Amino acid sequence: MVELNLLGLKCPEPVLKIASKVKEIPDGEMLDVIADCPSFPKDIEAWCERTGKTLLFCMDEGDGKYHAQIQL
């Protein structure tokens, strides 16, 4: 599993960083992401639908943080 900390980044930076990172990760691998952008849950859901990646979950961790896991 690859972890990606995107705390402090605001839209569209988190999705852009994820899109860049997945190019380095083999298909089938898991990407674990933490972010605090308010639009992150909707943005990551839309990105996964657009790219065919599987969003396993995107949870509100409290304190404005979101934890998502994506299967590539």
PDB file of N, CA and C in Angstrom:
ATOM      1  N   MET A   1       0.842  -1.172   0.000  1.00  0.00           N
ATOM      2  CA  MET A   1       0.000   0.000   0.000  1.00  0.00           C
ATOM      3  C   MET A   1       0.895   1.246   0.000  1.00  0.00           C
ATOM      4  N   VAL A   2       0.509   2.199  -0.838  1.00  0.00           N
ATOM      5  CA  VAL A   2       1.241   3.460  -0.939  1.00  0.00           C
ATOM      6  C   VAL A   2       0.442   4.519  -0.193  1.00  0.00           C
ATOM      7  N   GLU A   3       1.127   5.301   0.641  1.00  0.00           N
ATOM      8  CA  GLU A   3       0.459   6.348   1.408  1.00  0.00           C
ATOM      9  C   GLU A   3       0.796   7.714   0.826  1.00  0.00           C
ATOM     10  N   LEU A   4      -0.204   8.594   0.830  1.00  0.00           N
ATOM     11  CA  LEU A   4      -0.030   9.937   0.283  1.00  0.00           C
ATOM     12  C   LEU A   4      -0.682  10.934   1.231  1.00  0.00           C
ATOM     13  N   ASN A   5       0.123  11.839   1.778  1.00  0.00           N
ATOM     14  CA  ASN A   5      -0.361  12.866   2.692  1.00  0.00           C
ATOM     15  C   ASN A   5      -0.553  14.155   1.910  1.00  0.00           C
ATOM     16  N   LEU A   6      -1.804  14.592   1.801  1.00  0.00           N
ATOM     17  CA  LEU A   6      -2.132  15.787   1.030  1.00  0.00           C
ATOM     18  C   LEU A   6      -2.682  16.898   1.925  1.00  0.00           C
ATOM     19  N   LEU A   7      -2.381  16.832   3.202  1.00  0.00           N
ATOM     20  CA  LEU A   7      -2.850  17.854   4.130  1.00  0.00           C
ATOM     21  C   LEU A   7      -2.290  19.217   3.744  1.00  0.00           C
ATOM     22  N   GLY A   8      -3.148  20.230   3.809  1.00  0.00           N
ATOM     23  CA  GLY A   8      -2.734  21.598   3.498  1.00  0.00           C
ATOM     24  C   GLY A   8      -2.926  21.981   2.042  1.00  0.00           C
ATOM     25  N   LEU A   9      -3.225  21.009   1.182  1.00  0.00           N
ATOM     26  CA  LEU A   9      -3.434  21.317  -0.235  1.00  0.00           C
ATOM     27  C   LEU A   9      -4.915  21.569  -0.500  1.00  0.00           C
ATOM     28  N   LYS A  10      -5.189  22.538  -1.327  1.00  0.00           N
ATOM     29  CA  LYS A  10      -6.577  22.885  -1.660  1.00  0.00           C
ATOM     30  C   LYS A  10      -6.853  22.574  -3.120  1.00  0.00           C
ATOM     31  N   CYS A  11      -8.124  22.373  -3.429  1.00  0.00           N
ATOM     32  CA  CYS A  11      -8.597  22.048  -4.768  1.00  0.00           C
ATOM     33  C   CYS A  11      -7.986  23.005  -5.803  1.00  0.00           C
ATOM     34  N   PRO A  12      -7.458  22.454  -6.875  1.00  0.00           N
ATOM     35  CA  PRO A  12      -7.493  21.063  -7.363  1.00  0.00           C
ATOM     36  C   PRO A  12      -6.243  20.268  -7.027  1.00  0.00           C
ATOM     37  N   GLU A  13      -5.370  20.793  -6.176  1.00  0.00           N
ATOM     38  CA  GLU A  13      -4.080  20.156  -5.921  1.00  0.00           C
ATOM     39  C   GLU A  13      -4.154  18.697  -5.454  1.00  0.00           C
ATOM     40  N   PRO A  14      -5.052  18.323  -4.518  1.00  0.00           N
ATOM     41  CA  PRO A  14      -5.046  16.918  -4.089  1.00  0.00           C
ATOM     42  C   PRO A  14      -5.267  15.931  -5.241  1.00  0.00           C
ATOM     43  N   VAL A  15      -6.238  16.203  -6.094  1.00  0.00           N
ATOM     44  CA  VAL A  15      -6.506  15.293  -7.213  1.00  0.00           C
ATOM     45  C   VAL A  15      -5.353  15.315  -8.215  1.00  0.00           C
ATOM     46  N   LEU A  16      -4.757  16.462  -8.439  1.00  0.00           N
ATOM     47  CA  LEU A  16      -3.609  16.537  -9.352  1.00  0.00           C
ATOM     48  C   LEU A  16      -2.436  15.728  -8.817  1.00  0.00           C
ATOM     49  N   LYS A  17      -2.195  15.788  -7.507  1.00  0.00           N
ATOM     50  CA  LYS A  17      -1.101  15.014  -6.895  1.00  0.00           C
ATOM     51  C   LYS A  17      -1.390  13.515  -6.998  1.00  0.00           C
ATOM     52  N   ILE A  18      -2.648  13.134  -6.783  1.00  0.00           N
ATOM     53  CA  ILE A  18      -3.021  11.722  -6.900  1.00  0.00           C
ATOM     54  C   ILE A  18      -2.822  11.251  -8.338  1.00  0.00           C
ATOM     55  N   ALA A  19      -3.287  12.034  -9.297  1.00  0.00           N
ATOM     56  CA  ALA A  19      -3.150  11.666 -10.714  1.00  0.00           C
ATOM     57  C   ALA A  19      -1.684  11.482 -11.091  1.00  0.00           C
ATOM     58  N   SER A  20      -0.824  12.320 -10.561  1.00  0.00           N
ATOM     59  CA  SER A  20       0.606  12.213 -10.838  1.00  0.00           C
ATOM     60  C   SER A  20       1.196  10.969 -10.168  1.00  0.00           C
ATOM     61  N   LYS A  21       0.803  10.719  -8.931  1.00  0.00           N
ATOM     62  CA  LYS A  21       1.359   9.599  -8.162  1.00  0.00           C
ATOM     63  C   LYS A  21       0.972   8.246  -8.750  1.00  0.00           C
ATOM     64  N   VAL A  22      -0.265   8.120  -9.245  1.00  0.00           N
ATOM     65  CA  VAL A  22      -0.704   6.809  -9.750  1.00  0.00           C
ATOM     66  C   VAL A  22       0.097   6.355 -10.958  1.00  0.00           C
ATOM     67  N   LYS A  23       0.738   7.259 -11.641  1.00  0.00           N
ATOM     68  CA  LYS A  23       1.585   6.882 -12.783  1.00  0.00           C
ATOM     69  C   LYS A  23       2.788   6.058 -12.338  1.00  0.00           C
ATOM     70  N   GLU A  24       3.168   6.192 -11.052  1.00  0.00           N
ATOM     71  CA  GLU A  24       4.336   5.496 -10.497  1.00  0.00           C
ATOM     72  C   GLU A  24       3.965   4.177  -9.820  1.00  0.00           C
ATOM     73  N   ILE A  25       2.659   3.901  -9.699  1.00  0.00           N
ATOM     74  CA  ILE A  25       2.191   2.762  -8.908  1.00  0.00           C
ATOM     75  C   ILE A  25       1.589   1.706  -9.838  1.00  0.00           C
ATOM     76  N   PRO A  26       1.945   0.436  -9.656  1.00  0.00           N
ATOM     77  CA  PRO A  26       1.400  -0.613 -10.516  1.00  0.00           C
ATOM     78  C   PRO A  26      -0.109  -0.792 -10.329  1.00  0.00           C
ATOM     79  N   ASP A  27      -0.791  -1.215 -11.394  1.00  0.00           N
ATOM     80  CA  ASP A  27      -2.214  -1.523 -11.311  1.00  0.00           C
ATOM     81  C   ASP A  27      -2.436  -2.585 -10.245  1.00  0.00           C
ATOM     82  N   GLY A  28      -3.542  -2.473  -9.539  1.00  0.00           N
ATOM     83  CA  GLY A  28      -3.876  -3.435  -8.492  1.00  0.00           C
ATOM     84  C   GLY A  28      -3.404  -3.005  -7.116  1.00  0.00           C
ATOM     85  N   GLU A  29      -2.470  -2.080  -7.058  1.00  0.00           N
ATOM     86  CA  GLU A  29      -1.949  -1.574  -5.781  1.00  0.00           C
ATOM     87  C   GLU A  29      -2.999  -0.684  -5.124  1.00  0.00           C
ATOM     88  N   MET A  30      -2.850  -0.486  -3.826  1.00  0.00           N
ATOM     89  CA  MET A  30      -3.754   0.376  -3.070  1.00  0.00           C
ATOM     90  C   MET A  30      -3.053   1.701  -2.773  1.00  0.00           C
ATOM     91  N   LEU A  31      -3.836   2.779  -2.839  1.00  0.00           N
ATOM     92  CA  LEU A  31      -3.348   4.114  -2.494  1.00  0.00           C
ATOM     93  C   LEU A  31      -4.162   4.600  -1.309  1.00  0.00           C
ATOM     94  N   ASP A  32      -3.473   4.949  -0.238  1.00  0.00           N
ATOM     95  CA  ASP A  32      -4.097   5.428   0.995  1.00  0.00           C
ATOM     96  C   ASP A  32      -3.822   6.923   1.089  1.00  0.00           C
ATOM     97  N   VAL A  33      -4.881   7.723   1.160  1.00  0.00           N
ATOM     98  CA  VAL A  33      -4.745   9.176   1.080  1.00  0.00           C
ATOM     99  C   VAL A  33      -5.373   9.848   2.289  1.00  0.00           C
ATOM    100  N   ILE A  34      -4.682  10.863   2.810  1.00  0.00           N
ATOM    101  CA  ILE A  34      -5.241  11.737   3.843  1.00  0.00           C
ATOM    102  C   ILE A  34      -5.225  13.154   3.274  1.00  0.00           C
ATOM    103  N   ALA A  35      -6.351  13.848   3.414  1.00  0.00           N
ATOM    104  CA  ALA A  35      -6.475  15.201   2.859  1.00  0.00           C
ATOM    105  C   ALA A  35      -7.395  16.033   3.744  1.00  0.00           C
ATOM    106  N   ASP A  36      -7.289  17.345   3.618  1.00  0.00           N
ATOM    107  CA  ASP A  36      -8.169  18.217   4.405  1.00  0.00           C
ATOM    108  C   ASP A  36      -8.859  19.289   3.560  1.00  0.00           C
ATOM    109  N   CYS A  37      -8.862  19.112   2.264  1.00  0.00           N
ATOM    110  CA  CYS A  37      -9.574  20.030   1.373  1.00  0.00           C
ATOM    111  C   CYS A  37     -11.075  19.749   1.516  1.00  0.00           C
ATOM    112  N   PRO A  38     -11.892  20.769   1.750  1.00  0.00           N
ATOM    113  CA  PRO A  38     -13.328  20.537   1.947  1.00  0.00           C
ATOM    114  C   PRO A  38     -14.018  19.832   0.776  1.00  0.00           C
ATOM    115  N   SER A  39     -13.542  20.032  -0.436  1.00  0.00           N
ATOM    116  CA  SER A  39     -14.181  19.408  -1.595  1.00  0.00           C
ATOM    117  C   SER A  39     -13.581  18.038  -1.923  1.00  0.00           C
ATOM    118  N   PHE A  40     -12.628  17.565  -1.139  1.00  0.00           N
ATOM    119  CA  PHE A  40     -11.938  16.312  -1.454  1.00  0.00           C
ATOM    120  C   PHE A  40     -12.866  15.115  -1.665  1.00  0.00           C
ATOM    121  N   PRO A  41     -13.853  14.866  -0.785  1.00  0.00           N
ATOM    122  CA  PRO A  41     -14.699  13.676  -1.004  1.00  0.00           C
ATOM    123  C   PRO A  41     -15.387  13.668  -2.368  1.00  0.00           C
ATOM    124  N   LYS A  42     -15.960  14.777  -2.779  1.00  0.00           N
ATOM    125  CA  LYS A  42     -16.622  14.835  -4.086  1.00  0.00           C
ATOM    126  C   LYS A  42     -15.601  14.774  -5.212  1.00  0.00           C
ATOM    127  N   ASP A  43     -14.472  15.446  -5.036  1.00  0.00           N
ATOM    128  CA  ASP A  43     -13.441  15.476  -6.069  1.00  0.00           C
ATOM    129  C   ASP A  43     -12.853  14.087  -6.316  1.00  0.00           C
ATOM    130  N   ILE A  44     -12.555  13.354  -5.245  1.00  0.00           N
ATOM    131  CA  ILE A  44     -11.922  12.046  -5.422  1.00  0.00           C
ATOM    132  C   ILE A  44     -12.922  11.036  -5.987  1.00  0.00           C
ATOM    133  N   GLU A  45     -14.186  11.160  -5.605  1.00  0.00           N
ATOM    134  CA  GLU A  45     -15.208  10.280  -6.169  1.00  0.00           C
ATOM    135  C   GLU A  45     -15.336  10.503  -7.678  1.00  0.00           C
ATOM    136  N   ALA A  46     -15.374  11.763  -8.090  1.00  0.00           N
ATOM    137  CA  ALA A  46     -15.477  12.090  -9.518  1.00  0.00           C
ATOM    138  C   ALA A  46     -14.234  11.624 -10.279  1.00  0.00           C
ATOM    139  N   TRP A  47     -13.062  11.814  -9.698  1.00  0.00           N
ATOM    140  CA  TRP A  47     -11.820  11.406 -10.359  1.00  0.00           C
ATOM    141  C   TRP A  47     -11.796   9.881 -10.545  1.00  0.00           C
ATOM    142  N   CYS A  48     -12.190   9.137  -9.524  1.00  0.00           N
ATOM    143  CA  CYS A  48     -12.204   7.674  -9.622  1.00  0.00           C
ATOM    144  C   CYS A  48     -13.177   7.212 -10.705  1.00  0.00           C
ATOM    145  N   GLU A  49     -14.349   7.814 -10.756  1.00  0.00           N
ATOM    146  CA  GLU A  49     -15.315   7.454 -11.793  1.00  0.00           C
ATOM    147  C   GLU A  49     -14.760   7.749 -13.184  1.00  0.00           C
ATOM    148  N   ARG A  50     -14.106   8.890 -13.329  1.00  0.00           N
ATOM    149  CA  ARG A  50     -13.565   9.320 -14.627  1.00  0.00           C
ATOM    150  C   ARG A  50     -12.404   8.432 -15.086  1.00  0.00           C
ATOM    151  N   THR A  51     -11.601   7.948 -14.138  1.00  0.00           N
ATOM    152  CA  THR A  51     -10.392   7.204 -14.494  1.00  0.00           C
ATOM    153  C   THR A  51     -10.550   5.690 -14.382  1.00  0.00           C
ATOM    154  N   GLY A  52     -11.692   5.236 -13.867  1.00  0.00           N
ATOM    155  CA  GLY A  52     -11.907   3.802 -13.728  1.00  0.00           C
ATOM    156  C   GLY A  52     -11.223   3.183 -12.524  1.00  0.00           C
ATOM    157  N   LYS A  53     -10.772   3.998 -11.597  1.00  0.00           N
ATOM    158  CA  LYS A  53     -10.172   3.491 -10.360  1.00  0.00           C
ATOM    159  C   LYS A  53     -11.292   3.214  -9.362  1.00  0.00           C
ATOM    160  N   THR A  54     -11.037   2.335  -8.393  1.00  0.00           N
ATOM    161  CA  THR A  54     -12.058   1.955  -7.419  1.00  0.00           C
ATOM    162  C   THR A  54     -11.837   2.690  -6.105  1.00  0.00           C
ATOM    163  N   LEU A  55     -12.788   3.549  -5.751  1.00  0.00           N
ATOM    164  CA  LEU A  55     -12.750   4.232  -4.460  1.00  0.00           C
ATOM    165  C   LEU A  55     -13.353   3.279  -3.438  1.00  0.00           C
ATOM    166  N   LEU A  56     -12.511   2.722  -2.576  1.00  0.00           N
ATOM    167  CA  LEU A  56     -12.982   1.765  -1.579  1.00  0.00           C
ATOM    168  C   LEU A  56     -13.745   2.470  -0.467  1.00  0.00           C
ATOM    169  N   PHE A  57     -13.227   3.612  -0.039  1.00  0.00           N
ATOM    170  CA  PHE A  57     -13.937   4.436   0.932  1.00  0.00           C
ATOM    171  C   PHE A  57     -13.331   5.829   0.973  1.00  0.00           C
ATOM    172  N   CYS A  58     -14.121   6.762   1.462  1.00  0.00           N
ATOM    173  CA  CYS A  58     -13.653   8.105   1.780  1.00  0.00           C
ATOM    174  C   CYS A  58     -14.395   8.511   3.041  1.00  0.00           C
ATOM    175  N   MET A  59     -13.682   8.511   4.161  1.00  0.00           N
ATOM    176  CA  MET A  59     -14.285   8.751   5.464  1.00  0.00           C
ATOM    177  C   MET A  59     -13.893  10.118   6.013  1.00  0.00           C
ATOM    178  N   ASP A  60     -14.828  10.722   6.702  1.00  0.00           N
ATOM    179  CA  ASP A  60     -14.564  11.951   7.443  1.00  0.00           C
ATOM    180  C   ASP A  60     -13.917  11.534   8.758  1.00  0.00           C
ATOM    181  N   GLU A  61     -12.666  11.923   8.952  1.00  0.00           N
ATOM    182  CA  GLU A  61     -11.926  11.559  10.154  1.00  0.00           C
ATOM    183  C   GLU A  61     -12.137  12.569  11.285  1.00  0.00           C
ATOM    184  N   GLY A  62     -12.888  13.619  11.008  1.00  0.00           N
ATOM    185  CA  GLY A  62     -13.054  14.688  11.996  1.00  0.00           C
ATOM    186  C   GLY A  62     -11.968  15.728  11.837  1.00  0.00           C
ATOM    187  N   ASP A  63     -12.122  16.852  12.464  1.00  0.00           N
ATOM    188  CA  ASP A  63     -11.151  17.952  12.377  1.00  0.00           C
ATOM    189  C   ASP A  63     -10.876  18.369  10.944  1.00  0.00           C
ATOM    190  N   GLY A  64     -11.844  18.167  10.033  1.00  0.00           N
ATOM    191  CA  GLY A  64     -11.676  18.571   8.658  1.00  0.00           C
ATOM    192  C   GLY A  64     -10.795  17.677   7.812  1.00  0.00           C
ATOM    193  N   LYS A  65     -10.444  16.501   8.336  1.00  0.00           N
ATOM    194  CA  LYS A  65      -9.581  15.572   7.600  1.00  0.00           C
ATOM    195  C   LYS A  65     -10.395  14.436   7.001  1.00  0.00           C
ATOM    196  N   TYR A  66      -9.962  13.992   5.818  1.00  0.00           N
ATOM    197  CA  TYR A  66     -10.601  12.883   5.131  1.00  0.00           C
ATOM    198  C   TYR A  66      -9.568  11.808   4.840  1.00  0.00           C
ATOM    199  N   HIS A  67     -10.007  10.573   4.959  1.00  0.00           N
ATOM    200  CA  HIS A  67      -9.135   9.415   4.710  1.00  0.00           C
ATOM    201  C   HIS A  67      -9.791   8.619   3.586  1.00  0.00           C
ATOM    202  N   ALA A  68      -9.067   8.424   2.507  1.00  0.00           N
ATOM    203  CA  ALA A  68      -9.597   7.676   1.367  1.00  0.00           C
ATOM    204  C   ALA A  68      -8.647   6.539   1.010  1.00  0.00           C
ATOM    205  N   GLN A  69      -9.228   5.483   0.469  1.00  0.00           N
ATOM    206  CA  GLN A  69      -8.419   4.376  -0.033  1.00  0.00           C
ATOM    207  C   GLN A  69      -8.921   4.044  -1.437  1.00  0.00           C
ATOM    208  N   ILE A  70      -7.970   3.953  -2.347  1.00  0.00           N
ATOM    209  CA  ILE A  70      -8.266   3.753  -3.771  1.00  0.00           C
ATOM    210  C   ILE A  70      -7.517   2.518  -4.239  1.00  0.00           C
ATOM    211  N   GLN A  71      -8.228   1.651  -4.953  1.00  0.00           N
ATOM    212  CA  GLN A  71      -7.556   0.514  -5.595  1.00  0.00           C
ATOM    213  C   GLN A  71      -7.302   0.905  -7.038  1.00  0.00           C
ATOM    214  N   LEU A  72      -6.040   0.810  -7.415  1.00  0.00           N
ATOM    215  CA  LEU A  72      -5.631   1.234  -8.762  1.00  0.00           C
ATOM    216  C   LEU A  72      -5.739   0.091  -9.752  1.00  0.00           C
TER     217      LEU A  72
END
